Amino acid sequence: MALGGRRLSGLVNNAAIAIPGPLMLQPLEELRAQLETDLVSLFVVTKAFGPLLGVDASPAGKPGRIVNLSSMGGKLRQPLAIAYIASKHGVEGFTGALRREFKVYGIHVCAVAPGVVDTPVWDKVAALKGRYDGTIYEEPFNKGGATMVEGGKNYGSSPEGIAEVIWRALTEPRPKLRYRPASHPILEHGVLMALPPRAIDWGLGRFIGLRRKV
């Protein structure tokens, strides 16, 4: 056994994909793929590695920790990315419930919920431009996607910075329940979280063209 009879120090659940699209037009297999990858995988991997983290009392050492990668989207409700948003809301619920459930083993569970991050995922989002042309969602999908790509590429946090936060969650003596790294924390986790939902609905509708059309 690679661990030499000792417990695993930490597990990071980071698997995720994002394929934006409107619910009524996006293929069902794409919706399922995001939920399976972004949320169901946490159940599968945690069950597989739980014994090594401390569920099994026989390995030596302190109980390990679990860090689940959520997102700013786990608290907000961005349209046109509904499967991704639903999965990240699920990650938040999974993390809180599992933390309480795993207290009996001494395993700490927390979430790292970044704001916008500069990663190659934005190239994939940019490539989807025009996918819903000719539909009721043409304007909001193209404009919303372009806005996300610009924000991610120009204003996103670095992956290295997020990795440092994950390392802190795994190693600091008194880990937080939820970490919220962001390049613009006041905007990403302050202003946006404080606004009433109807104000966000109105602002998004005006900005990307989400308004009644039929």
N, C-alpha and C. Protein backbone atom coordinates (compact mmCIF):
# COMPACT_ATOMS: atom_id res chain seq x y z
N MET A 1 0.84 -1.19 0.00
CA MET A 1 0.00 0.00 0.00
C MET A 1 0.88 1.25 0.00
N ALA A 2 0.58 2.19 -0.87
CA ALA A 2 1.43 3.37 -1.05
C ALA A 2 1.55 4.21 0.21
N LEU A 3 0.54 4.21 1.07
CA LEU A 3 0.56 5.04 2.27
C LEU A 3 1.27 4.38 3.44
N GLY A 4 1.68 3.15 3.27
CA GLY A 4 2.43 2.47 4.33
C GLY A 4 1.63 2.28 5.60
N GLY A 5 0.36 2.04 5.48
CA GLY A 5 -0.47 1.81 6.65
C GLY A 5 -0.89 3.08 7.38
N ARG A 6 -0.61 4.24 6.80
CA ARG A 6 -0.99 5.50 7.42
C ARG A 6 -2.18 6.12 6.69
N ARG A 7 -2.81 7.07 7.34
CA ARG A 7 -3.99 7.71 6.76
C ARG A 7 -3.60 8.72 5.69
N LEU A 8 -4.53 8.95 4.78
CA LEU A 8 -4.37 9.97 3.76
C LEU A 8 -4.59 11.34 4.40
N SER A 9 -3.70 12.28 4.12
CA SER A 9 -3.78 13.59 4.77
C SER A 9 -4.90 14.46 4.20
N GLY A 10 -5.19 14.33 2.91
CA GLY A 10 -6.20 15.21 2.34
C GLY A 10 -6.74 14.71 1.02
N LEU A 11 -7.95 15.10 0.72
CA LEU A 11 -8.61 14.80 -0.55
C LEU A 11 -9.14 16.11 -1.11
N VAL A 12 -8.83 16.41 -2.37
CA VAL A 12 -9.33 17.61 -3.04
C VAL A 12 -10.24 17.16 -4.18
N ASN A 13 -11.51 17.49 -4.06
CA ASN A 13 -12.47 17.19 -5.12
C ASN A 13 -12.56 18.40 -6.05
N ASN A 14 -11.91 18.29 -7.21
CA ASN A 14 -11.77 19.43 -8.10
C ASN A 14 -12.33 19.19 -9.50
N ALA A 15 -12.81 17.99 -9.79
CA ALA A 15 -13.28 17.68 -11.14
C ALA A 15 -14.48 18.54 -11.50
N ALA A 16 -14.44 19.18 -12.67
CA ALA A 16 -15.58 19.98 -13.10
C ALA A 16 -15.47 20.30 -14.58
N ILE A 17 -16.62 20.41 -15.23
CA ILE A 17 -16.71 20.91 -16.59
C ILE A 17 -17.81 21.96 -16.63
N ALA A 18 -17.77 22.84 -17.60
CA ALA A 18 -18.80 23.87 -17.75
C ALA A 18 -19.15 24.00 -19.22
N ILE A 19 -20.39 23.72 -19.55
CA ILE A 19 -20.89 23.87 -20.92
C ILE A 19 -22.13 24.74 -20.85
N PRO A 20 -21.99 26.04 -21.07
CA PRO A 20 -23.15 26.92 -20.95
C PRO A 20 -24.19 26.67 -22.03
N GLY A 21 -25.41 27.00 -21.68
CA GLY A 21 -26.50 26.85 -22.64
C GLY A 21 -27.84 27.01 -21.95
N PRO A 22 -28.88 27.42 -22.67
CA PRO A 22 -30.22 27.54 -22.08
C PRO A 22 -30.85 26.17 -21.89
N LEU A 23 -31.52 26.00 -20.77
CA LEU A 23 -32.07 24.70 -20.39
C LEU A 23 -32.92 24.06 -21.49
N MET A 24 -33.83 24.83 -22.08
CA MET A 24 -34.78 24.23 -23.01
C MET A 24 -34.17 23.87 -24.36
N LEU A 25 -32.96 24.37 -24.64
CA LEU A 25 -32.33 24.10 -25.93
C LEU A 25 -31.08 23.24 -25.82
N GLN A 26 -30.51 23.14 -24.65
CA GLN A 26 -29.26 22.39 -24.50
C GLN A 26 -29.54 20.89 -24.49
N PRO A 27 -28.71 20.10 -25.19
CA PRO A 27 -28.91 18.64 -25.20
C PRO A 27 -28.87 18.06 -23.79
N LEU A 28 -29.74 17.11 -23.53
CA LEU A 28 -29.85 16.50 -22.20
C LEU A 28 -28.54 15.85 -21.78
N GLU A 29 -27.82 15.29 -22.74
CA GLU A 29 -26.56 14.62 -22.37
C GLU A 29 -25.53 15.62 -21.84
N GLU A 30 -25.58 16.86 -22.31
CA GLU A 30 -24.65 17.87 -21.78
C GLU A 30 -25.03 18.26 -20.35
N LEU A 31 -26.32 18.35 -20.08
CA LEU A 31 -26.77 18.64 -18.72
C LEU A 31 -26.34 17.53 -17.77
N ARG A 32 -26.55 16.29 -18.19
CA ARG A 32 -26.20 15.15 -17.34
C ARG A 32 -24.69 15.06 -17.13
N ALA A 33 -23.93 15.33 -18.17
CA ALA A 33 -22.47 15.24 -18.06
C ALA A 33 -21.94 16.22 -17.01
N GLN A 34 -22.51 17.43 -16.97
CA GLN A 34 -22.05 18.41 -15.99
C GLN A 34 -22.42 18.00 -14.57
N LEU A 35 -23.64 17.51 -14.38
CA LEU A 35 -24.05 17.09 -13.04
C LEU A 35 -23.26 15.87 -12.58
N GLU A 36 -23.00 14.95 -13.48
CA GLU A 36 -22.21 13.76 -13.12
C GLU A 36 -20.78 14.14 -12.75
N THR A 37 -20.16 15.00 -13.56
CA THR A 37 -18.77 15.36 -13.33
C THR A 37 -18.61 16.29 -12.14
N ASP A 38 -19.47 17.29 -12.05
CA ASP A 38 -19.28 18.36 -11.08
C ASP A 38 -19.84 18.03 -9.70
N LEU A 39 -20.80 17.12 -9.62
CA LEU A 39 -21.44 16.85 -8.34
C LEU A 39 -21.42 15.37 -7.95
N VAL A 40 -21.92 14.50 -8.82
CA VAL A 40 -21.98 13.08 -8.46
C VAL A 40 -20.59 12.52 -8.20
N SER A 41 -19.58 13.03 -8.91
CA SER A 41 -18.21 12.54 -8.70
C SER A 41 -17.75 12.75 -7.26
N LEU A 42 -18.24 13.81 -6.58
CA LEU A 42 -17.86 14.03 -5.19
C LEU A 42 -18.33 12.89 -4.29
N PHE A 43 -19.54 12.40 -4.55
CA PHE A 43 -20.04 11.27 -3.78
C PHE A 43 -19.17 10.03 -4.02
N VAL A 44 -18.87 9.77 -5.28
CA VAL A 44 -18.13 8.57 -5.64
C VAL A 44 -16.72 8.59 -5.06
N VAL A 45 -16.00 9.71 -5.27
CA VAL A 45 -14.61 9.80 -4.82
C VAL A 45 -14.53 9.82 -3.30
N THR A 46 -15.44 10.54 -2.65
CA THR A 46 -15.41 10.60 -1.19
C THR A 46 -15.67 9.23 -0.58
N LYS A 47 -16.61 8.49 -1.12
CA LYS A 47 -16.86 7.13 -0.62
C LYS A 47 -15.64 6.23 -0.82
N ALA A 48 -14.94 6.44 -1.95
CA ALA A 48 -13.78 5.59 -2.25
C ALA A 48 -12.60 5.89 -1.31
N PHE A 49 -12.38 7.18 -1.01
CA PHE A 49 -11.21 7.55 -0.22
C PHE A 49 -11.52 7.78 1.26
N GLY A 50 -12.80 7.75 1.62
CA GLY A 50 -13.17 7.94 3.01
C GLY A 50 -12.44 7.03 3.99
N PRO A 51 -12.34 5.74 3.72
CA PRO A 51 -11.62 4.87 4.66
C PRO A 51 -10.17 5.29 4.89
N LEU A 52 -9.50 5.77 3.86
CA LEU A 52 -8.10 6.18 4.01
C LEU A 52 -7.98 7.49 4.79
N LEU A 53 -9.03 8.30 4.78
CA LEU A 53 -9.00 9.59 5.47
C LEU A 53 -9.29 9.46 6.96
N GLY A 54 -9.91 8.36 7.36
CA GLY A 54 -10.20 8.18 8.77
C GLY A 54 -11.50 7.47 9.07
N VAL A 55 -12.30 7.15 8.07
CA VAL A 55 -13.51 6.37 8.30
C VAL A 55 -13.14 4.98 8.82
N ASP A 56 -12.07 4.42 8.29
CA ASP A 56 -11.50 3.17 8.79
C ASP A 56 -10.55 3.52 9.93
N ALA A 57 -10.77 2.94 11.09
CA ALA A 57 -9.98 3.28 12.28
C ALA A 57 -8.61 2.62 12.31
N SER A 58 -8.35 1.67 11.43
CA SER A 58 -7.10 0.91 11.53
C SER A 58 -5.85 1.64 11.06
N PRO A 59 -5.86 2.48 10.00
CA PRO A 59 -4.61 3.16 9.62
C PRO A 59 -4.14 4.13 10.71
N ALA A 60 -2.83 4.32 10.79
CA ALA A 60 -2.24 5.21 11.79
C ALA A 60 -2.28 6.66 11.31
N GLY A 61 -2.21 7.59 12.26
CA GLY A 61 -2.14 9.01 11.92
C GLY A 61 -3.43 9.76 12.19
N LYS A 62 -3.35 11.09 12.03
CA LYS A 62 -4.51 11.95 12.26
C LYS A 62 -5.51 11.81 11.12
N PRO A 63 -6.77 12.08 11.39
CA PRO A 63 -7.76 12.08 10.29
C PRO A 63 -7.38 13.12 9.24
N GLY A 64 -7.72 12.84 8.00
CA GLY A 64 -7.42 13.76 6.92
C GLY A 64 -8.47 14.84 6.77
N ARG A 65 -8.35 15.62 5.72
CA ARG A 65 -9.30 16.69 5.42
C ARG A 65 -9.82 16.52 4.00
N ILE A 66 -11.00 17.09 3.78
CA ILE A 66 -11.60 17.08 2.45
C ILE A 66 -11.85 18.53 2.03
N VAL A 67 -11.38 18.88 0.84
CA VAL A 67 -11.60 20.21 0.27
C VAL A 67 -12.38 20.04 -1.03
N ASN A 68 -13.57 20.61 -1.06
CA ASN A 68 -14.41 20.55 -2.25
C ASN A 68 -14.38 21.89 -2.99
N LEU A 69 -14.10 21.84 -4.28
CA LEU A 69 -14.06 23.07 -5.08
C LEU A 69 -15.46 23.45 -5.52
N SER A 70 -15.93 24.53 -4.96
CA SER A 70 -17.21 25.10 -5.35
C SER A 70 -16.93 26.26 -6.30
N SER A 71 -17.70 27.32 -6.21
CA SER A 71 -17.56 28.45 -7.11
C SER A 71 -18.40 29.60 -6.58
N MET A 72 -18.08 30.80 -7.03
CA MET A 72 -18.97 31.93 -6.78
C MET A 72 -20.38 31.57 -7.25
N GLY A 73 -20.48 30.77 -8.30
CA GLY A 73 -21.77 30.33 -8.81
C GLY A 73 -22.53 29.44 -7.85
N GLY A 74 -21.85 28.93 -6.80
CA GLY A 74 -22.54 28.13 -5.80
C GLY A 74 -23.44 28.95 -4.90
N LYS A 75 -23.31 30.28 -4.96
CA LYS A 75 -24.19 31.16 -4.20
C LYS A 75 -25.03 32.05 -5.13
N LEU A 76 -24.46 32.42 -6.28
CA LEU A 76 -25.22 33.20 -7.25
C LEU A 76 -26.05 32.27 -8.14
N ARG A 77 -26.76 32.85 -9.06
CA ARG A 77 -27.66 32.05 -9.92
C ARG A 77 -27.58 32.57 -11.36
N GLN A 78 -26.41 32.42 -11.96
CA GLN A 78 -26.23 32.92 -13.32
C GLN A 78 -27.08 32.13 -14.30
N PRO A 79 -27.81 32.80 -15.19
CA PRO A 79 -28.58 32.09 -16.21
C PRO A 79 -27.67 31.58 -17.32
N LEU A 80 -28.23 30.71 -18.14
CA LEU A 80 -27.57 30.17 -19.33
C LEU A 80 -26.35 29.31 -18.99
N ALA A 81 -26.28 28.86 -17.75
CA ALA A 81 -25.26 27.89 -17.32
C ALA A 81 -25.88 27.05 -16.21
N ILE A 82 -27.12 26.65 -16.43
CA ILE A 82 -27.96 26.17 -15.34
C ILE A 82 -27.46 24.86 -14.74
N ALA A 83 -26.92 23.96 -15.55
CA ALA A 83 -26.43 22.69 -15.00
C ALA A 83 -25.19 22.91 -14.14
N TYR A 84 -24.30 23.78 -14.61
CA TYR A 84 -23.11 24.10 -13.82
C TYR A 84 -23.50 24.76 -12.50
N ILE A 85 -24.41 25.74 -12.55
CA ILE A 85 -24.83 26.44 -11.35
C ILE A 85 -25.52 25.47 -10.39
N ALA A 86 -26.40 24.63 -10.90
CA ALA A 86 -27.08 23.65 -10.05
C ALA A 86 -26.07 22.72 -9.38
N SER A 87 -25.04 22.31 -10.12
CA SER A 87 -24.04 21.42 -9.54
C SER A 87 -23.26 22.10 -8.43
N LYS A 88 -22.92 23.38 -8.61
CA LYS A 88 -22.16 24.09 -7.59
C LYS A 88 -23.00 24.40 -6.35
N HIS A 89 -24.29 24.66 -6.53
CA HIS A 89 -25.17 24.75 -5.37
C HIS A 89 -25.19 23.41 -4.65
N GLY A 90 -25.17 22.33 -5.42
CA GLY A 90 -25.12 21.00 -4.82
C GLY A 90 -23.83 20.76 -4.05
N VAL A 91 -22.71 21.26 -4.58
CA VAL A 91 -21.43 21.12 -3.88
C VAL A 91 -21.48 21.83 -2.53
N GLU A 92 -22.10 23.00 -2.49
CA GLU A 92 -22.22 23.73 -1.23
C GLU A 92 -23.03 22.92 -0.21
N GLY A 93 -24.15 22.37 -0.65
CA GLY A 93 -24.97 21.56 0.25
C GLY A 93 -24.26 20.29 0.68
N PHE A 94 -23.63 19.63 -0.26
CA PHE A 94 -22.88 18.40 0.03
C PHE A 94 -21.80 18.67 1.07
N THR A 95 -21.08 19.78 0.90
CA THR A 95 -19.96 20.10 1.80
C THR A 95 -20.45 20.35 3.22
N GLY A 96 -21.49 21.15 3.37
CA GLY A 96 -22.00 21.45 4.71
C GLY A 96 -22.54 20.23 5.41
N ALA A 97 -23.31 19.42 4.70
CA ALA A 97 -23.89 18.23 5.31
C ALA A 97 -22.81 17.19 5.64
N LEU A 98 -21.85 17.03 4.73
CA LEU A 98 -20.78 16.05 4.96
C LEU A 98 -19.90 16.47 6.13
N ARG A 99 -19.64 17.77 6.27
CA ARG A 99 -18.82 18.23 7.40
C ARG A 99 -19.44 17.80 8.72
N ARG A 100 -20.74 17.96 8.84
CA ARG A 100 -21.42 17.57 10.08
C ARG A 100 -21.45 16.05 10.24
N GLU A 101 -21.63 15.36 9.12
CA GLU A 101 -21.70 13.90 9.18
C GLU A 101 -20.35 13.28 9.53
N PHE A 102 -19.26 13.90 9.05
CA PHE A 102 -17.92 13.33 9.25
C PHE A 102 -17.26 13.78 10.56
N LYS A 103 -18.00 14.55 11.39
CA LYS A 103 -17.44 14.91 12.69
C LYS A 103 -17.15 13.67 13.53
N VAL A 104 -17.93 12.62 13.33
CA VAL A 104 -17.72 11.41 14.12
C VAL A 104 -16.36 10.77 13.84
N TYR A 105 -15.76 11.08 12.69
CA TYR A 105 -14.45 10.54 12.32
C TYR A 105 -13.33 11.55 12.56
N GLY A 106 -13.70 12.79 12.91
CA GLY A 106 -12.68 13.84 13.04
C GLY A 106 -12.16 14.37 11.73
N ILE A 107 -12.90 14.13 10.64
CA ILE A 107 -12.49 14.59 9.30
C ILE A 107 -13.11 15.95 9.03
N HIS A 108 -12.28 16.96 8.82
CA HIS A 108 -12.79 18.31 8.52
C HIS A 108 -13.10 18.42 7.02
N VAL A 109 -14.24 19.00 6.70
CA VAL A 109 -14.68 19.18 5.31
C VAL A 109 -14.96 20.66 5.08
N CYS A 110 -14.39 21.22 4.03
CA CYS A 110 -14.63 22.63 3.73
C CYS A 110 -14.75 22.83 2.22
N ALA A 111 -15.18 24.02 1.85
CA ALA A 111 -15.32 24.39 0.43
C ALA A 111 -14.37 25.53 0.11
N VAL A 112 -13.81 25.49 -1.08
CA VAL A 112 -13.10 26.62 -1.66
C VAL A 112 -13.93 27.09 -2.83
N ALA A 113 -14.42 28.33 -2.74
CA ALA A 113 -15.36 28.86 -3.73
C ALA A 113 -14.77 30.08 -4.41
N PRO A 114 -13.97 29.90 -5.44
CA PRO A 114 -13.33 31.04 -6.11
C PRO A 114 -14.33 31.91 -6.87
N GLY A 115 -13.91 33.16 -7.09
CA GLY A 115 -14.61 33.99 -8.06
C GLY A 115 -14.14 33.59 -9.45
N VAL A 116 -14.02 34.52 -10.34
CA VAL A 116 -13.58 34.23 -11.70
C VAL A 116 -12.10 33.86 -11.69
N VAL A 117 -11.74 32.80 -12.44
CA VAL A 117 -10.36 32.31 -12.50
C VAL A 117 -9.92 32.28 -13.96
N ASP A 118 -8.70 32.68 -14.21
CA ASP A 118 -8.14 32.71 -15.56
C ASP A 118 -7.61 31.33 -15.93
N THR A 119 -8.43 30.54 -16.61
CA THR A 119 -8.04 29.19 -17.03
C THR A 119 -8.43 29.00 -18.50
N PRO A 120 -7.95 27.91 -19.14
CA PRO A 120 -8.30 27.64 -20.54
C PRO A 120 -9.78 27.36 -20.78
N VAL A 121 -10.57 27.20 -19.70
CA VAL A 121 -12.00 26.94 -19.90
C VAL A 121 -12.66 28.05 -20.70
N TRP A 122 -12.11 29.28 -20.62
CA TRP A 122 -12.74 30.39 -21.34
C TRP A 122 -12.59 30.26 -22.85
N ASP A 123 -11.54 29.57 -23.31
CA ASP A 123 -11.41 29.32 -24.74
C ASP A 123 -12.54 28.41 -25.22
N LYS A 124 -12.93 27.46 -24.38
CA LYS A 124 -14.04 26.56 -24.74
C LYS A 124 -15.36 27.32 -24.77
N VAL A 125 -15.53 28.23 -23.82
CA VAL A 125 -16.76 29.03 -23.81
C VAL A 125 -16.81 29.93 -25.04
N ALA A 126 -15.68 30.55 -25.38
CA ALA A 126 -15.63 31.43 -26.55
C ALA A 126 -15.99 30.67 -27.83
N ALA A 127 -15.59 29.40 -27.90
CA ALA A 127 -15.84 28.61 -29.10
C ALA A 127 -17.32 28.31 -29.31
N LEU A 128 -18.14 28.49 -28.28
CA LEU A 128 -19.57 28.22 -28.38
C LEU A 128 -20.36 29.40 -28.92
N LYS A 129 -19.70 30.53 -29.16
CA LYS A 129 -20.40 31.70 -29.67
C LYS A 129 -21.13 31.35 -30.98
N GLY A 130 -22.37 31.75 -31.06
CA GLY A 130 -23.17 31.48 -32.26
C GLY A 130 -23.92 30.18 -32.21
N ARG A 131 -23.71 29.38 -31.15
CA ARG A 131 -24.35 28.07 -31.10
C ARG A 131 -25.88 28.17 -31.08
N TYR A 132 -26.40 29.23 -30.49
CA TYR A 132 -27.85 29.38 -30.38
C TYR A 132 -28.37 30.53 -31.22
N ASP A 133 -27.62 30.88 -32.26
CA ASP A 133 -28.09 31.91 -33.19
C ASP A 133 -29.39 31.45 -33.84
N GLY A 134 -30.28 32.40 -34.05
CA GLY A 134 -31.55 32.08 -34.65
C GLY A 134 -32.60 31.63 -33.65
N THR A 135 -32.24 31.59 -32.36
CA THR A 135 -33.19 31.21 -31.32
C THR A 135 -33.49 32.43 -30.44
N ILE A 136 -34.40 32.26 -29.53
CA ILE A 136 -34.78 33.34 -28.63
C ILE A 136 -33.62 33.76 -27.71
N TYR A 137 -32.63 32.89 -27.58
CA TYR A 137 -31.51 33.16 -26.68
C TYR A 137 -30.26 33.66 -27.40
N GLU A 138 -30.38 33.97 -28.70
CA GLU A 138 -29.18 34.38 -29.45
C GLU A 138 -28.46 35.55 -28.79
N GLU A 139 -29.15 36.64 -28.54
CA GLU A 139 -28.50 37.83 -27.98
C GLU A 139 -27.93 37.59 -26.57
N PRO A 140 -28.73 37.09 -25.61
CA PRO A 140 -28.17 36.93 -24.27
C PRO A 140 -27.06 35.89 -24.20
N PHE A 141 -27.14 34.82 -24.99
CA PHE A 141 -26.09 33.80 -24.93
C PHE A 141 -24.78 34.35 -25.45
N ASN A 142 -24.82 35.03 -26.60
CA ASN A 142 -23.58 35.55 -27.17
C ASN A 142 -22.99 36.67 -26.32
N LYS A 143 -23.83 37.58 -25.84
CA LYS A 143 -23.32 38.70 -25.06
C LYS A 143 -22.87 38.22 -23.67
N GLY A 144 -23.65 37.34 -23.06
CA GLY A 144 -23.27 36.82 -21.75
C GLY A 144 -21.98 36.03 -21.83
N GLY A 145 -21.83 35.20 -22.87
CA GLY A 145 -20.61 34.43 -23.03
C GLY A 145 -19.40 35.32 -23.24
N ALA A 146 -19.55 36.35 -24.09
CA ALA A 146 -18.44 37.27 -24.34
C ALA A 146 -18.02 38.00 -23.07
N THR A 147 -18.99 38.36 -22.24
CA THR A 147 -18.70 39.05 -20.99
C THR A 147 -17.93 38.14 -20.04
N MET A 148 -18.36 36.88 -19.94
CA MET A 148 -17.66 35.93 -19.06
C MET A 148 -16.24 35.69 -19.53
N VAL A 149 -16.07 35.53 -20.84
CA VAL A 149 -14.74 35.27 -21.38
C VAL A 149 -13.81 36.45 -21.12
N GLU A 150 -14.30 37.66 -21.34
CA GLU A 150 -13.48 38.84 -21.09
C GLU A 150 -13.10 38.95 -19.62
N GLY A 151 -14.07 38.71 -18.75
CA GLY A 151 -13.79 38.78 -17.31
C GLY A 151 -12.80 37.73 -16.87
N GLY A 152 -12.97 36.51 -17.38
CA GLY A 152 -12.08 35.43 -16.98
C GLY A 152 -10.65 35.64 -17.45
N LYS A 153 -10.50 36.09 -18.69
CA LYS A 153 -9.17 36.25 -19.26
C LYS A 153 -8.44 37.49 -18.73
N ASN A 154 -9.18 38.55 -18.48
CA ASN A 154 -8.55 39.82 -18.12
C ASN A 154 -8.55 40.13 -16.63
N TYR A 155 -9.49 39.56 -15.90
CA TYR A 155 -9.63 39.94 -14.50
C TYR A 155 -9.66 38.76 -13.54
N GLY A 156 -9.52 37.55 -14.06
CA GLY A 156 -9.62 36.38 -13.21
C GLY A 156 -8.41 36.17 -12.32
N SER A 157 -8.62 35.48 -11.21
CA SER A 157 -7.53 35.08 -10.33
C SER A 157 -6.65 34.05 -11.04
N SER A 158 -5.40 33.93 -10.62
CA SER A 158 -4.51 32.95 -11.22
C SER A 158 -4.77 31.56 -10.62
N PRO A 159 -4.62 30.50 -11.41
CA PRO A 159 -4.75 29.15 -10.86
C PRO A 159 -3.77 28.90 -9.71
N GLU A 160 -2.58 29.50 -9.79
CA GLU A 160 -1.59 29.32 -8.72
C GLU A 160 -2.10 29.90 -7.41
N GLY A 161 -2.79 31.05 -7.50
CA GLY A 161 -3.35 31.66 -6.30
C GLY A 161 -4.42 30.79 -5.67
N ILE A 162 -5.24 30.16 -6.50
CA ILE A 162 -6.27 29.27 -5.98
C ILE A 162 -5.63 28.04 -5.34
N ALA A 163 -4.57 27.53 -5.96
CA ALA A 163 -3.86 26.37 -5.40
C ALA A 163 -3.31 26.69 -4.01
N GLU A 164 -2.82 27.90 -3.82
CA GLU A 164 -2.30 28.30 -2.51
C GLU A 164 -3.40 28.29 -1.45
N VAL A 165 -4.59 28.72 -1.84
CA VAL A 165 -5.72 28.72 -0.90
C VAL A 165 -6.10 27.28 -0.55
N ILE A 166 -6.10 26.39 -1.53
CA ILE A 166 -6.40 24.98 -1.27
C ILE A 166 -5.38 24.40 -0.30
N TRP A 167 -4.11 24.75 -0.50
CA TRP A 167 -3.06 24.26 0.39
C TRP A 167 -3.29 24.74 1.82
N ARG A 168 -3.68 25.98 1.98
CA ARG A 168 -4.00 26.51 3.31
C ARG A 168 -5.14 25.72 3.94
N ALA A 169 -6.17 25.43 3.15
CA ALA A 169 -7.31 24.69 3.67
C ALA A 169 -6.91 23.29 4.14
N LEU A 170 -5.89 22.74 3.51
CA LEU A 170 -5.42 21.40 3.88
C LEU A 170 -4.46 21.40 5.06
N THR A 171 -3.81 22.54 5.33
CA THR A 171 -2.70 22.50 6.28
C THR A 171 -2.81 23.44 7.47
N GLU A 172 -3.56 24.55 7.39
CA GLU A 172 -3.54 25.48 8.52
C GLU A 172 -4.24 24.87 9.74
N PRO A 173 -3.79 25.24 10.94
CA PRO A 173 -4.27 24.60 12.16
C PRO A 173 -5.78 24.72 12.37
N ARG A 174 -6.35 25.87 12.04
CA ARG A 174 -7.79 26.08 12.22
C ARG A 174 -8.41 26.45 10.87
N PRO A 175 -8.69 25.47 10.05
CA PRO A 175 -9.21 25.77 8.71
C PRO A 175 -10.61 26.37 8.76
N LYS A 176 -10.90 27.21 7.78
CA LYS A 176 -12.22 27.81 7.67
C LYS A 176 -13.22 26.78 7.14
N LEU A 177 -14.48 27.13 7.23
CA LEU A 177 -15.52 26.28 6.65
C LEU A 177 -15.66 26.55 5.15
N ARG A 178 -15.35 27.78 4.74
CA ARG A 178 -15.50 28.16 3.33
C ARG A 178 -14.49 29.26 3.00
N TYR A 179 -13.71 29.04 1.97
CA TYR A 179 -12.74 30.02 1.49
C TYR A 179 -13.30 30.64 0.22
N ARG A 180 -13.05 31.95 0.03
CA ARG A 180 -13.64 32.66 -1.12
C ARG A 180 -12.57 33.49 -1.84
N PRO A 181 -11.58 32.86 -2.43
CA PRO A 181 -10.55 33.64 -3.12
C PRO A 181 -11.13 34.34 -4.35
N ALA A 182 -10.70 35.56 -4.59
CA ALA A 182 -11.19 36.32 -5.74
C ALA A 182 -10.22 37.45 -6.04
N SER A 183 -10.10 37.81 -7.31
CA SER A 183 -9.23 38.93 -7.68
C SER A 183 -9.88 40.26 -7.32
N HIS A 184 -11.23 40.29 -7.26
CA HIS A 184 -11.97 41.49 -6.86
C HIS A 184 -13.02 41.07 -5.82
N PRO A 185 -12.59 40.77 -4.60
CA PRO A 185 -13.50 40.20 -3.60
C PRO A 185 -14.68 41.08 -3.25
N ILE A 186 -14.48 42.42 -3.22
CA ILE A 186 -15.60 43.30 -2.85
C ILE A 186 -16.72 43.19 -3.88
N LEU A 187 -16.35 43.14 -5.16
CA LEU A 187 -17.35 43.02 -6.22
C LEU A 187 -17.91 41.61 -6.28
N GLU A 188 -17.01 40.61 -6.35
CA GLU A 188 -17.44 39.24 -6.63
C GLU A 188 -18.17 38.60 -5.46
N HIS A 189 -17.71 38.86 -4.24
CA HIS A 189 -18.33 38.22 -3.08
C HIS A 189 -19.02 39.21 -2.16
N GLY A 190 -18.93 40.49 -2.46
CA GLY A 190 -19.56 41.49 -1.62
C GLY A 190 -20.78 42.08 -2.26
N VAL A 191 -20.56 42.91 -3.27
CA VAL A 191 -21.67 43.61 -3.92
C VAL A 191 -22.67 42.65 -4.52
N LEU A 192 -22.19 41.67 -5.28
CA LEU A 192 -23.10 40.75 -5.96
C LEU A 192 -23.93 39.93 -4.98
N MET A 193 -23.32 39.55 -3.84
CA MET A 193 -24.05 38.77 -2.85
C MET A 193 -25.06 39.63 -2.08
N ALA A 194 -24.77 40.91 -1.97
CA ALA A 194 -25.63 41.79 -1.17
C ALA A 194 -26.84 42.29 -1.93
N LEU A 195 -26.76 42.32 -3.25
CA LEU A 195 -27.87 42.85 -4.04
C LEU A 195 -29.10 41.95 -3.93
N PRO A 196 -30.29 42.52 -3.87
CA PRO A 196 -31.51 41.71 -3.87
C PRO A 196 -31.62 40.92 -5.18
N PRO A 197 -32.16 39.71 -5.14
CA PRO A 197 -32.28 38.91 -6.36
C PRO A 197 -33.02 39.62 -7.49
N ARG A 198 -34.05 40.38 -7.19
CA ARG A 198 -34.79 41.06 -8.25
C ARG A 198 -33.94 42.15 -8.91
N ALA A 199 -33.05 42.75 -8.13
CA ALA A 199 -32.16 43.76 -8.72
C ALA A 199 -31.18 43.10 -9.69
N ILE A 200 -30.70 41.92 -9.33
CA ILE A 200 -29.80 41.19 -10.23
C ILE A 200 -30.56 40.74 -11.48
N ASP A 201 -31.79 40.27 -11.29
CA ASP A 201 -32.62 39.88 -12.44
C ASP A 201 -32.75 41.05 -13.42
N TRP A 202 -33.06 42.22 -12.89
CA TRP A 202 -33.25 43.40 -13.73
C TRP A 202 -31.96 43.80 -14.42
N GLY A 203 -30.85 43.82 -13.66
CA GLY A 203 -29.57 44.22 -14.23
C GLY A 203 -29.11 43.28 -15.33
N LEU A 204 -29.23 41.97 -15.10
CA LEU A 204 -28.85 41.01 -16.13
C LEU A 204 -29.72 41.16 -17.37
N GLY A 205 -31.02 41.34 -17.13
CA GLY A 205 -31.93 41.49 -18.26
C GLY A 205 -31.57 42.67 -19.15
N ARG A 206 -31.22 43.78 -18.51
CA ARG A 206 -30.84 44.96 -19.28
C ARG A 206 -29.50 44.79 -19.97
N PHE A 207 -28.56 44.13 -19.27
CA PHE A 207 -27.20 44.08 -19.79
C PHE A 207 -27.02 43.09 -20.93
N ILE A 208 -27.58 41.89 -20.79
CA ILE A 208 -27.34 40.90 -21.85
C ILE A 208 -28.58 40.60 -22.69
N GLY A 209 -29.70 41.25 -22.38
CA GLY A 209 -30.87 41.08 -23.22
C GLY A 209 -31.80 39.98 -22.81
N LEU A 210 -31.81 39.63 -21.52
CA LEU A 210 -32.76 38.64 -21.03
C LEU A 210 -34.05 39.36 -20.66
N ARG A 211 -34.96 39.43 -21.61
CA ARG A 211 -36.23 40.09 -21.39
C ARG A 211 -37.30 39.32 -22.16
N ARG A 212 -38.53 39.56 -21.79
CA ARG A 212 -39.61 38.83 -22.44
C ARG A 212 -39.66 39.13 -23.94
N LYS A 213 -39.76 38.05 -24.73
CA LYS A 213 -39.76 38.20 -26.17
C LYS A 213 -40.95 37.51 -26.84
N VAL A 214 -41.78 36.81 -26.08
CA VAL A 214 -42.94 36.13 -26.67
C VAL A 214 -44.18 36.50 -25.86
